Protein backbone atom coordinates (compact mmCIF):
# COMPACT_ATOMS: atom_id res chain seq x y z
CA MET A 1 74.69 -80.71 90.59
CA HIS A 2 71.06 -80.46 89.29
CA SER A 3 69.28 -82.99 91.95
CA TYR A 4 71.57 -81.08 94.71
CA LYS A 5 69.89 -77.97 94.12
CA ASN A 6 66.53 -79.43 93.91
CA LEU A 7 66.87 -80.60 97.12
CA ILE A 8 68.45 -77.22 98.49
CA GLY A 9 65.22 -75.91 97.20
CA TRP A 10 62.54 -77.69 99.51
CA PHE A 11 64.39 -76.64 102.58
CA ALA A 12 64.06 -73.06 101.42
CA PRO A 13 62.31 -71.14 104.15
CA GLU A 14 58.83 -70.67 103.09
CA ARG A 15 58.94 -74.32 102.57
CA ILE A 16 59.74 -75.03 105.80
CA ALA A 17 57.19 -72.65 107.21
CA LEU A 18 54.48 -74.31 104.88
CA ALA A 19 55.34 -77.39 106.08
CA THR A 20 55.59 -76.90 109.62
CA LEU A 21 52.40 -75.30 109.55
CA CYS A 22 50.18 -77.98 108.36
CA LEU A 23 52.27 -80.28 110.47
CA VAL A 24 50.97 -78.25 113.18
CA GLY A 25 47.60 -78.46 112.22
CA LEU A 26 47.08 -82.07 111.76
CA LEU A 27 48.66 -82.57 115.06
CA THR A 28 46.40 -80.16 116.63
CA LEU A 29 43.78 -80.69 114.28
CA THR A 30 43.31 -76.76 114.44
CA LEU A 31 42.08 -78.10 110.87
CA SER A 32 43.16 -74.91 108.67
CA CYS A 33 43.42 -77.70 105.48
CA ALA A 34 40.12 -79.45 106.33
CA SER A 35 36.49 -78.91 108.24
CA PRO A 36 36.31 -80.93 111.43
CA GLU A 37 32.40 -82.40 109.41
CA ALA A 38 32.38 -85.65 112.09
CA ILE A 39 32.57 -83.14 114.75
CA SER A 40 29.69 -80.86 113.53
CA THR A 41 27.44 -84.31 112.44
CA PHE A 42 28.23 -85.26 116.19
CA ALA A 43 26.92 -82.08 117.05
CA ASP A 44 23.67 -81.74 115.13
CA SER A 45 23.05 -85.54 116.39
CA ALA A 46 23.22 -84.69 120.13
CA GLN A 47 20.89 -81.75 119.87
CA LYS A 48 18.51 -83.95 117.91
CA SER A 49 18.94 -86.36 121.25
CA LEU A 50 18.64 -83.23 123.47
CA ALA A 51 15.05 -82.08 122.17
CA GLY A 52 13.44 -85.64 123.71
CA GLY A 53 14.47 -84.08 127.20
CA PRO A 54 12.32 -81.50 127.74
CA PRO A 55 9.10 -83.56 127.36
CA LEU A 56 10.68 -86.20 129.94
CA PHE A 57 11.13 -83.67 132.52
CA ASN A 58 7.81 -81.98 132.58
CA ASP A 59 6.09 -85.39 132.87
CA ILE A 60 7.68 -86.07 135.49
CA HIS A 61 4.96 -84.06 137.44
CA ASP A 62 2.46 -85.66 135.30
CA SER A 63 3.62 -88.11 136.70
CA CYS A 64 3.32 -87.51 140.14
CA VAL A 65 -0.31 -86.44 139.24
CA ARG A 66 -1.72 -89.54 137.92
CA ARG A 67 -0.33 -91.50 140.58
CA GLU A 68 -2.61 -89.27 142.98
CA THR A 69 -5.55 -89.55 140.44
CA ALA A 70 -5.28 -93.17 140.32
CA ARG A 71 -5.51 -93.73 144.43
CA PRO A 72 -8.32 -96.17 145.63
CA GLU A 73 -10.67 -93.54 146.82
CA GLN A 74 -10.04 -91.51 143.21
CA PRO A 75 -13.06 -91.73 140.59
CA ILE A 76 -11.63 -93.83 137.46
CA LEU A 77 -10.56 -91.45 134.36
CA PRO A 78 -8.80 -92.09 131.16
CA LEU A 79 -5.19 -90.70 132.70
CA PHE A 80 -3.86 -89.84 128.78
CA VAL A 81 -6.00 -87.61 127.80
CA PRO A 82 -5.33 -84.64 124.42
CA PRO A 83 -5.23 -81.25 126.51
CA GLY A 84 -8.45 -79.45 126.93
CA SER A 85 -10.25 -83.03 126.51
CA LYS A 86 -13.70 -82.75 128.99
CA ASN A 87 -11.88 -85.70 130.62
CA ALA A 88 -8.62 -83.97 131.42
CA PRO A 89 -8.24 -84.04 135.33
CA PRO A 90 -8.29 -80.16 137.01
CA LYS A 91 -5.36 -78.51 136.26
CA ASN A 92 -4.87 -77.20 140.04
CA PRO A 93 -6.68 -79.16 142.31
CA PRO A 94 -5.71 -78.70 146.24
CA ALA A 95 -5.19 -82.62 146.75
CA LEU A 96 -2.18 -82.31 144.18
CA SER A 97 0.06 -79.54 145.91
CA THR A 98 2.57 -82.02 146.52
CA CYS A 99 3.20 -82.41 142.92
CA ALA A 100 3.71 -78.73 142.81
CA ARG A 101 7.28 -78.89 143.58
CA PHE A 102 8.06 -81.35 140.10
CA ALA A 103 6.90 -78.41 138.12
CA ASP A 104 9.42 -75.90 139.40
CA GLU A 105 12.08 -78.91 139.15
CA ALA A 106 10.90 -79.15 135.30
CA GLN A 107 11.11 -75.61 133.91
CA GLY A 108 14.91 -75.53 135.76
CA LEU A 109 15.59 -79.33 134.27
CA ASN A 110 14.44 -77.60 130.84
CA ASN A 111 16.77 -74.03 130.94
CA VAL A 112 19.72 -76.82 131.61
CA SER A 113 18.54 -78.66 128.74
CA ALA A 114 18.81 -75.38 126.88
CA VAL A 115 22.12 -74.36 127.87
CA LEU A 116 23.32 -77.50 126.98
CA THR A 117 21.72 -78.02 123.41
CA ALA A 118 23.16 -74.25 122.89
CA TYR A 119 26.67 -75.59 123.80
CA PHE A 120 26.31 -78.20 120.87
CA ARG A 121 24.73 -75.61 118.78
CA ALA A 122 27.99 -73.25 119.51
CA VAL A 123 30.01 -76.09 118.33
CA GLN A 124 28.39 -76.80 115.66
CA GLN A 125 28.57 -73.99 114.11
CA LEU A 126 32.11 -73.60 114.61
CA SER A 127 32.99 -76.45 113.44
CA ALA A 128 30.83 -75.98 110.46
CA PHE A 129 31.34 -72.58 109.54
CA ASN A 130 34.23 -71.22 111.71
CA THR A 131 32.05 -69.15 114.01
CA SER A 132 29.15 -69.05 116.00
CA SER A 133 26.11 -66.92 116.05
CA VAL A 134 24.76 -68.54 119.48
CA SER A 135 23.90 -67.19 122.46
CA THR A 136 22.24 -68.74 126.21
CA ALA A 137 21.48 -67.57 129.41
CA ASN A 138 24.44 -65.91 131.25
CA THR A 139 26.29 -67.90 134.25
CA SER A 140 24.34 -66.69 136.85
CA ALA A 141 20.69 -67.12 135.10
CA ALA A 142 22.45 -70.39 134.07
CA GLU A 143 23.51 -72.02 137.82
CA SER A 144 19.54 -70.40 139.41
CA ALA A 145 17.82 -73.19 136.58
CA ALA A 146 20.61 -75.83 137.93
CA THR A 147 19.94 -75.45 141.51
CA ALA A 148 15.94 -75.06 140.50
CA ALA A 149 16.41 -78.09 138.96
CA ASN A 150 18.28 -80.04 141.95
CA LEU A 151 21.25 -81.17 140.64
CA SER A 152 24.92 -81.16 142.72
CA SER A 153 26.74 -78.06 143.23
CA VAL A 154 29.44 -79.34 140.90
CA GLN A 155 26.72 -80.30 138.56
CA VAL A 156 25.15 -76.76 138.85
CA ASP A 157 28.91 -75.30 138.72
CA SER A 158 29.16 -77.07 134.93
CA VAL A 159 26.11 -75.77 133.97
CA GLY A 160 27.66 -72.28 134.91
CA LYS A 161 30.90 -73.04 132.98
CA LEU A 162 28.76 -74.18 129.68
CA ALA A 163 26.77 -71.27 130.01
CA GLY A 164 29.95 -69.07 130.05
CA LEU A 165 31.80 -70.81 127.08
CA VAL A 166 28.92 -70.38 125.10
CA THR A 167 28.96 -66.98 125.58
CA GLN A 168 32.84 -66.77 125.30
CA VAL A 169 32.52 -68.32 121.57
CA PHE A 170 30.11 -65.49 120.49
CA THR A 171 31.64 -62.58 121.94
CA GLU A 172 35.06 -63.46 121.38
CA SER A 173 34.37 -64.27 117.66
CA TYR A 174 36.14 -67.77 118.32
CA GLN A 175 37.52 -69.44 115.15
CA ARG A 176 38.26 -72.85 114.18
CA ARG A 177 41.50 -72.92 115.12
CA ARG A 178 40.08 -72.71 118.82
CA LEU A 179 37.65 -75.40 118.87
CA VAL A 180 40.01 -77.99 120.33
CA ASP A 181 40.28 -75.64 123.18
CA ALA A 182 36.71 -75.26 123.20
CA LEU A 183 36.00 -78.80 123.25
CA ARG A 184 38.67 -79.43 125.70
CA GLN A 185 37.06 -76.30 128.50
CA ALA A 186 34.00 -78.24 128.03
CA ASP A 187 34.25 -81.66 128.30
CA PRO A 188 34.08 -82.09 132.17
CA HIS A 189 31.10 -79.96 132.16
CA VAL A 190 29.90 -81.45 129.70
CA ALA A 191 29.98 -85.03 131.75
CA ALA A 192 28.74 -84.04 134.77
CA VAL A 193 25.91 -82.14 133.34
CA THR A 194 24.68 -85.11 131.35
CA GLN A 195 25.30 -86.81 134.30
CA GLY A 196 23.08 -85.40 136.56
CA LEU A 197 20.20 -85.54 133.64
CA ASP A 198 20.79 -88.95 133.75
CA SER A 199 20.41 -89.12 137.84
CA VAL A 200 17.00 -87.45 136.92
CA ILE A 201 15.77 -90.05 134.64
CA LYS A 202 16.60 -92.68 137.19
CA ASN A 203 14.14 -90.91 139.25
CA TYR A 204 11.59 -90.54 136.71
CA LEU A 205 11.79 -94.20 136.18
CA VAL A 206 11.20 -95.26 139.66
CA PHE A 207 8.12 -92.39 139.50
CA LEU A 208 6.72 -94.47 136.12
CA GLN A 209 6.92 -97.93 137.78
CA GLU A 210 5.19 -97.11 141.32
CA GLU A 211 2.43 -95.26 138.82
CA ARG A 212 2.33 -98.49 136.88
CA GLN A 213 1.89 -100.33 140.27
CA THR A 214 -0.71 -97.80 141.54
CA LEU A 215 -2.75 -98.05 138.30
CA THR A 216 -2.54 -101.82 138.55
CA GLY A 217 -4.23 -101.81 141.71
CA ARG A 218 -6.67 -99.38 140.95
CA TYR A 219 -8.17 -101.37 137.94
CA GLN A 220 -7.49 -104.61 139.72
CA SER A 221 -9.90 -103.30 142.67
CA VAL A 222 -12.72 -102.11 140.32
CA GLY A 223 -12.57 -104.81 137.97
CA ASP A 224 -13.29 -107.32 140.83
CA THR A 225 -16.65 -105.58 141.20
CA ASN A 226 -17.47 -105.29 138.39
CA GLN A 227 -18.72 -107.95 135.31
CA GLY A 228 -19.64 -108.27 132.02
CA ALA A 229 -19.57 -105.20 129.49
CA ILE A 230 -17.90 -102.69 132.20
CA LEU A 231 -15.18 -105.06 132.64
CA LEU A 232 -14.26 -105.48 129.34
CA LEU A 233 -14.20 -101.66 128.98
CA LEU A 234 -11.89 -101.53 132.22
CA ASN A 235 -9.83 -103.80 130.93
CA ARG A 236 -9.04 -101.94 127.59
CA ALA A 237 -8.36 -98.40 129.41
CA TYR A 238 -6.15 -100.29 131.52
CA SER A 239 -4.14 -101.90 128.69
CA ASP A 240 -4.23 -97.68 127.11
CA ASP A 241 -3.07 -96.19 130.05
CA LEU A 242 -0.14 -99.62 130.47
CA ALA A 243 1.07 -98.88 126.85
CA GLU A 244 1.23 -95.47 127.64
CA ILE A 245 3.16 -95.95 130.99
CA GLN A 246 5.37 -98.69 128.71
CA HIS A 247 6.09 -95.58 125.58
CA ARG A 248 7.49 -93.21 128.79
CA GLN A 249 9.73 -95.78 130.33
CA ALA A 250 11.09 -96.68 126.57
CA ALA A 251 11.72 -93.23 125.77
CA ALA A 252 13.58 -92.73 129.51
CA VAL A 253 16.07 -95.45 128.95
CA ALA A 254 16.67 -94.28 125.15
CA TYR A 255 17.08 -90.98 126.28
CA GLN A 256 19.68 -92.05 129.36
CA GLU A 257 21.57 -94.25 126.58
CA SER A 258 21.32 -90.96 124.17
CA LEU A 259 22.87 -88.99 127.44
CA LYS A 260 25.67 -91.58 127.84
CA ASN A 261 26.66 -91.57 123.82
CA ILE A 262 26.76 -87.81 124.31
CA ARG A 263 28.99 -87.94 126.99
CA GLU A 264 31.45 -90.33 125.75
CA GLY A 265 31.04 -89.16 121.54
CA HIS A 266 32.22 -85.24 123.10
CA HIS A 267 35.59 -87.14 125.57
CA GLN A 268 36.42 -88.90 121.95
CA ALA A 269 36.02 -85.61 120.28
CA VAL A 270 38.17 -84.06 122.74
CA VAL A 271 40.98 -87.08 122.61
CA GLY A 272 40.68 -87.50 118.72
CA ALA A 273 41.03 -83.97 117.76
CA GLN A 274 44.49 -83.56 119.64
CA HIS A 275 46.10 -87.26 118.54
CA MET A 276 44.08 -87.95 114.97
CA ASN A 277 43.34 -86.39 111.32
CA THR A 278 40.63 -85.84 109.73
CA LYS A 279 39.39 -89.48 108.80
CA GLU A 280 40.31 -90.90 112.01
CA LEU A 281 38.58 -89.03 113.85
CA SER A 282 35.43 -88.81 111.79
CA LEU A 283 35.90 -92.99 111.65
CA ALA A 284 36.26 -92.90 115.61
CA LEU A 285 32.45 -90.75 116.00
CA GLN A 286 30.69 -92.84 113.97
CA PRO A 287 29.65 -95.49 116.35
CA TYR A 288 28.44 -92.15 118.41
CA ILE A 289 26.52 -90.47 115.84
CA SER A 290 25.19 -93.40 114.35
CA LYS A 291 23.83 -94.66 118.05
CA LEU A 292 22.38 -90.88 118.73
CA ASP A 293 20.73 -91.67 115.11
CA THR A 294 18.96 -94.38 115.72
CA LEU A 295 17.77 -93.35 119.31
CA ALA A 296 16.23 -89.81 118.13
CA PRO A 297 13.22 -91.32 116.97
CA MET A 298 12.45 -93.22 120.21
CA LEU A 299 12.28 -89.66 121.79
CA GLN A 300 9.67 -87.78 119.81
CA GLU A 301 6.26 -87.66 121.27
CA LYS A 302 3.47 -89.42 119.61
């Protein structure tokens, strides 16, 4: 009889309610009983890798300038010099007006990157602190930036949707229990935006390869008419310039790989948040976190 009463006690209404609450929490990862630390860590790693994008976007314009100044009719000057150096090429020479559009695109790309970064910062705060204090450009401004960046119409729309979601998370005071909804809403837009940025970097890598070929031809044409010490100096300058281009190529490839891991890791977070417990989600996201943390130093400016 005593054991029977104990059994009846387990089915008391308050116990059923508590068990139901915990079960729902596990199934939907609202995580009322545990903090989703893996999602916070992943979002933090994503932000660090995204910080490597703007220097690459800005260098698309600079690469155009370097290609123009390395033409055979131009005098040989060091291509990679500190800002303000006496050897630096003119900032706005008339002959380089063909490169001007890349400066406008770079500004748009930087703004798009800022929206994507703001989203991951909001996710990090929401998962770590149960609220977010992040704000970003409004939907219209974000779409204008994406248009200036020459992204596709689908990608422009996704940038606007991400900006709107960040604003919604902030203005409606989202709590952690709504984290899964935010991740699910953002997932197709994170995919579209990272794919758009990846396409930009593919074009940048083509520019760098063209720059390398132009540079090689320029040094070879001058080297054929010089001897001795001058040829030695030319070889040294060529080696230095080539090493800088290779550094930028390596950074661009690392950024592409980061975008891929951000895209796939975010989707894994969405899937895991709906079907995994905290430990399982942590294990599922760890490969993406480790990869992003490995790539981040390769994206730092020299």
